[in-house]
Amino acid sequence: YLRANIPQKVIICFAETNQFQKIVLYAKKVNYTPDYIFLLRNVMRGNVENGASFAGMLVQDDPPLADIESITNVFMEQNLIPQCTSFLLDALKHNKPEEGHLQTRLLEM
C-alpha cells in the first residue's frame, strides 16, 4: 500500500498494528487528513487502552488533529467514563475559555 500510494489503506494497517505515532507522521508526510474519529472508534472496539492512548496523541498538536468534543463523544458512546475523565483532564489542561463547555461536561461526569 505504501508503494501504491493508497494512504487510507496504509493508515488502516498502522491502526490495526497499534502504530499510532506512525499514523500521524505518515498523514503529515503525504499531506493526507484521515478521519481520525472513525479510526479512533475502530481502535476503541479492539482495545480501550490503545484507544485512550491514540486519543491523547490526537490532541497533542496545536491545533488538535481531531475535535476534543468528538473524541469525548467516542468515549461516552461506549460508556468509558474513567477513560474519558482521564482524557479530558489531560486535554483541557491549558484552560482555554473556548473549552469551558467541555470543562463543565467533565465536572458533570
C-alpha atoms as a PDB file:
ATOM      1  CA  TYR A   1       0.000   0.000   0.000  1.00  0.00           C
ATOM      2  CA  LEU A   2       2.938   2.321   0.616  1.00  0.00           C
ATOM      3  CA  ARG A   3       4.275   1.860  -2.903  1.00  0.00           C
ATOM      4  CA  ALA A   4       0.809   2.087  -4.426  1.00  0.00           C
ATOM      5  CA  ASN A   5       0.283   5.425  -2.669  1.00  0.00           C
ATOM      6  CA  ILE A   6      -3.020   4.475  -1.022  1.00  0.00           C
ATOM      7  CA  PRO A   7      -2.921   6.475   2.228  1.00  0.00           C
ATOM      8  CA  GLN A   8      -6.264   5.196   3.550  1.00  0.00           C
ATOM      9  CA  LYS A   9      -5.069   1.590   3.474  1.00  0.00           C
ATOM     10  CA  VAL A  10      -1.652   2.432   4.919  1.00  0.00           C
ATOM     11  CA  ILE A  11      -3.267   4.241   7.846  1.00  0.00           C
ATOM     12  CA  ILE A  12      -5.706   1.398   8.486  1.00  0.00           C
ATOM     13  CA  CYS A  13      -2.776  -1.035   8.584  1.00  0.00           C
ATOM     14  CA  PHE A  14      -0.947   1.190  11.061  1.00  0.00           C
ATOM     15  CA  ALA A  15      -4.080   1.341  13.237  1.00  0.00           C
ATOM     16  CA  GLU A  16      -4.539  -2.433  13.160  1.00  0.00           C
ATOM     17  CA  THR A  17      -0.954  -2.930  14.310  1.00  0.00           C
ATOM     18  CA  ASN A  18      -1.216  -0.230  17.023  1.00  0.00           C
ATOM     19  CA  GLN A  19       1.399   2.013  15.369  1.00  0.00           C
ATOM     20  CA  PHE A  20      -0.451   5.231  16.166  1.00  0.00           C
ATOM     21  CA  GLN A  21       2.552   7.543  16.058  1.00  0.00           C
ATOM     22  CA  LYS A  22       3.223   6.358  12.509  1.00  0.00           C
ATOM     23  CA  ILE A  23      -0.353   7.263  11.522  1.00  0.00           C
ATOM     24  CA  VAL A  24       0.187  10.905  12.447  1.00  0.00           C
ATOM     25  CA  LEU A  25       3.659  11.077  10.899  1.00  0.00           C
ATOM     26  CA  TYR A  26       2.600   9.358   7.670  1.00  0.00           C
ATOM     27  CA  ALA A  27      -0.514  11.508   7.278  1.00  0.00           C
ATOM     28  CA  LYS A  28       1.546  14.672   7.622  1.00  0.00           C
ATOM     29  CA  LYS A  29       4.226  13.353   5.265  1.00  0.00           C
ATOM     30  CA  VAL A  30       1.820  12.583   2.418  1.00  0.00           C
ATOM     31  CA  ASN A  31      -0.407  15.585   3.176  1.00  0.00           C
ATOM     32  CA  TYR A  32      -3.455  13.419   3.857  1.00  0.00           C
ATOM     33  CA  THR A  33      -6.084  14.055   6.514  1.00  0.00           C
ATOM     34  CA  PRO A  34      -7.686  10.803   7.648  1.00  0.00           C
ATOM     35  CA  ASP A  35     -10.974  10.605   9.513  1.00  0.00           C
ATOM     36  CA  TYR A  36      -9.371  10.402  12.941  1.00  0.00           C
ATOM     37  CA  ILE A  37     -12.702   9.939  14.733  1.00  0.00           C
ATOM     38  CA  PHE A  38     -13.531   6.910  12.557  1.00  0.00           C
ATOM     39  CA  LEU A  39     -10.078   5.470  13.259  1.00  0.00           C
ATOM     40  CA  LEU A  40     -10.475   6.102  16.986  1.00  0.00           C
ATOM     41  CA  ARG A  41     -13.830   4.302  17.047  1.00  0.00           C
ATOM     42  CA  ASN A  42     -12.282   1.278  15.351  1.00  0.00           C
ATOM     43  CA  VAL A  43      -9.309   1.228  17.718  1.00  0.00           C
ATOM     44  CA  MET A  44     -11.627   1.550  20.742  1.00  0.00           C
ATOM     45  CA  ARG A  45     -13.588  -1.510  19.642  1.00  0.00           C
ATOM     46  CA  GLY A  46     -10.422  -3.593  19.707  1.00  0.00           C
ATOM     47  CA  ASN A  47      -8.612  -2.229  22.752  1.00  0.00           C
ATOM     48  CA  VAL A  48      -9.802   0.573  25.012  1.00  0.00           C
ATOM     49  CA  GLU A  49      -6.347   1.332  26.441  1.00  0.00           C
ATOM     50  CA  ASN A  50      -4.833   1.693  22.968  1.00  0.00           C
ATOM     51  CA  GLY A  51      -7.769   3.890  22.008  1.00  0.00           C
ATOM     52  CA  ALA A  52      -7.213   6.138  25.007  1.00  0.00           C
ATOM     53  CA  SER A  53      -3.544   6.445  24.087  1.00  0.00           C
ATOM     54  CA  PHE A  54      -4.418   7.296  20.476  1.00  0.00           C
ATOM     55  CA  ALA A  55      -6.958   9.885  21.637  1.00  0.00           C
ATOM     56  CA  GLY A  56      -4.247  11.569  23.686  1.00  0.00           C
ATOM     57  CA  MET A  57      -1.998  11.716  20.633  1.00  0.00           C
ATOM     58  CA  LEU A  58      -4.708  13.385  18.598  1.00  0.00           C
ATOM     59  CA  VAL A  59      -4.875  16.393  20.913  1.00  0.00           C
ATOM     60  CA  GLN A  60      -1.141  16.890  21.484  1.00  0.00           C
ATOM     61  CA  ASP A  61      -0.708  19.174  18.474  1.00  0.00           C
ATOM     62  CA  ASP A  62      -1.961  22.739  18.354  1.00  0.00           C
ATOM     63  CA  PRO A  63      -4.486  22.803  16.781  1.00  0.00           C
ATOM     64  CA  PRO A  64      -5.581  19.263  17.680  1.00  0.00           C
ATOM     65  CA  LEU A  65      -5.877  16.722  14.876  1.00  0.00           C
ATOM     66  CA  ALA A  66      -9.419  15.916  15.995  1.00  0.00           C
ATOM     67  CA  ASP A  67     -12.068  17.844  17.871  1.00  0.00           C
ATOM     68  CA  ILE A  68     -11.906  17.259  21.635  1.00  0.00           C
ATOM     69  CA  GLU A  69     -15.681  17.122  21.884  1.00  0.00           C
ATOM     70  CA  SER A  70     -15.898  14.467  19.149  1.00  0.00           C
ATOM     71  CA  ILE A  71     -13.277  12.376  20.934  1.00  0.00           C
ATOM     72  CA  THR A  72     -15.209  12.762  24.181  1.00  0.00           C
ATOM     73  CA  ASN A  73     -18.344  11.530  22.395  1.00  0.00           C
ATOM     74  CA  VAL A  74     -16.484   8.398  21.241  1.00  0.00           C
ATOM     75  CA  PHE A  75     -15.619   7.596  24.860  1.00  0.00           C
ATOM     76  CA  MET A  76     -19.172   8.267  26.018  1.00  0.00           C
ATOM     77  CA  GLU A  77     -20.713   6.127  23.237  1.00  0.00           C
ATOM     78  CA  GLN A  78     -19.041   3.148  24.876  1.00  0.00           C
ATOM     79  CA  ASN A  79     -19.707   4.352  28.434  1.00  0.00           C
ATOM     80  CA  LEU A  80     -15.973   4.657  29.201  1.00  0.00           C
ATOM     81  CA  ILE A  81     -16.304   7.289  31.898  1.00  0.00           C
ATOM     82  CA  PRO A  82     -12.959   6.708  33.713  1.00  0.00           C
ATOM     83  CA  GLN A  83     -11.005   6.827  30.436  1.00  0.00           C
ATOM     84  CA  CYS A  84     -12.984   9.854  29.268  1.00  0.00           C
ATOM     85  CA  THR A  85     -12.337  11.680  32.521  1.00  0.00           C
ATOM     86  CA  SER A  86      -8.621  10.975  32.275  1.00  0.00           C
ATOM     87  CA  PHE A  87      -8.558  12.110  28.646  1.00  0.00           C
ATOM     88  CA  LEU A  88     -10.401  15.361  29.384  1.00  0.00           C
ATOM     89  CA  LEU A  89      -8.193  16.193  32.363  1.00  0.00           C
ATOM     90  CA  ASP A  90      -5.174  15.939  30.097  1.00  0.00           C
ATOM     91  CA  ALA A  91      -6.728  17.598  27.028  1.00  0.00           C
ATOM     92  CA  LEU A  92      -8.133  20.571  28.935  1.00  0.00           C
ATOM     93  CA  LYS A  93      -5.028  21.387  30.949  1.00  0.00           C
ATOM     94  CA  HIS A  94      -4.466  24.636  29.009  1.00  0.00           C
ATOM     95  CA  ASN A  95      -7.667  26.106  30.485  1.00  0.00           C
ATOM     96  CA  LYS A  96      -8.814  27.886  27.312  1.00  0.00           C
ATOM     97  CA  PRO A  97     -12.063  29.894  27.529  1.00  0.00           C
ATOM     98  CA  GLU A  98     -13.474  28.231  24.386  1.00  0.00           C
ATOM     99  CA  GLU A  99     -13.243  24.850  26.150  1.00  0.00           C
ATOM    100  CA  GLY A 100     -15.499  25.931  29.007  1.00  0.00           C
ATOM    101  CA  HIS A 101     -18.397  23.705  27.961  1.00  0.00           C
ATOM    102  CA  LEU A 102     -16.059  20.692  27.971  1.00  0.00           C
ATOM    103  CA  GLN A 103     -14.791  21.592  31.440  1.00  0.00           C
ATOM    104  CA  THR A 104     -18.408  21.680  32.606  1.00  0.00           C
ATOM    105  CA  ARG A 105     -19.047  18.321  30.972  1.00  0.00           C
ATOM    106  CA  LEU A 106     -16.007  16.916  32.781  1.00  0.00           C
ATOM    107  CA  LEU A 107     -17.327  18.112  36.126  1.00  0.00           C
ATOM    108  CA  GLU A 108     -20.726  16.554  35.389  1.00  0.00           C
ATOM    109  CA  MET A 109     -19.089  13.140  34.982  1.00  0.00           C
END
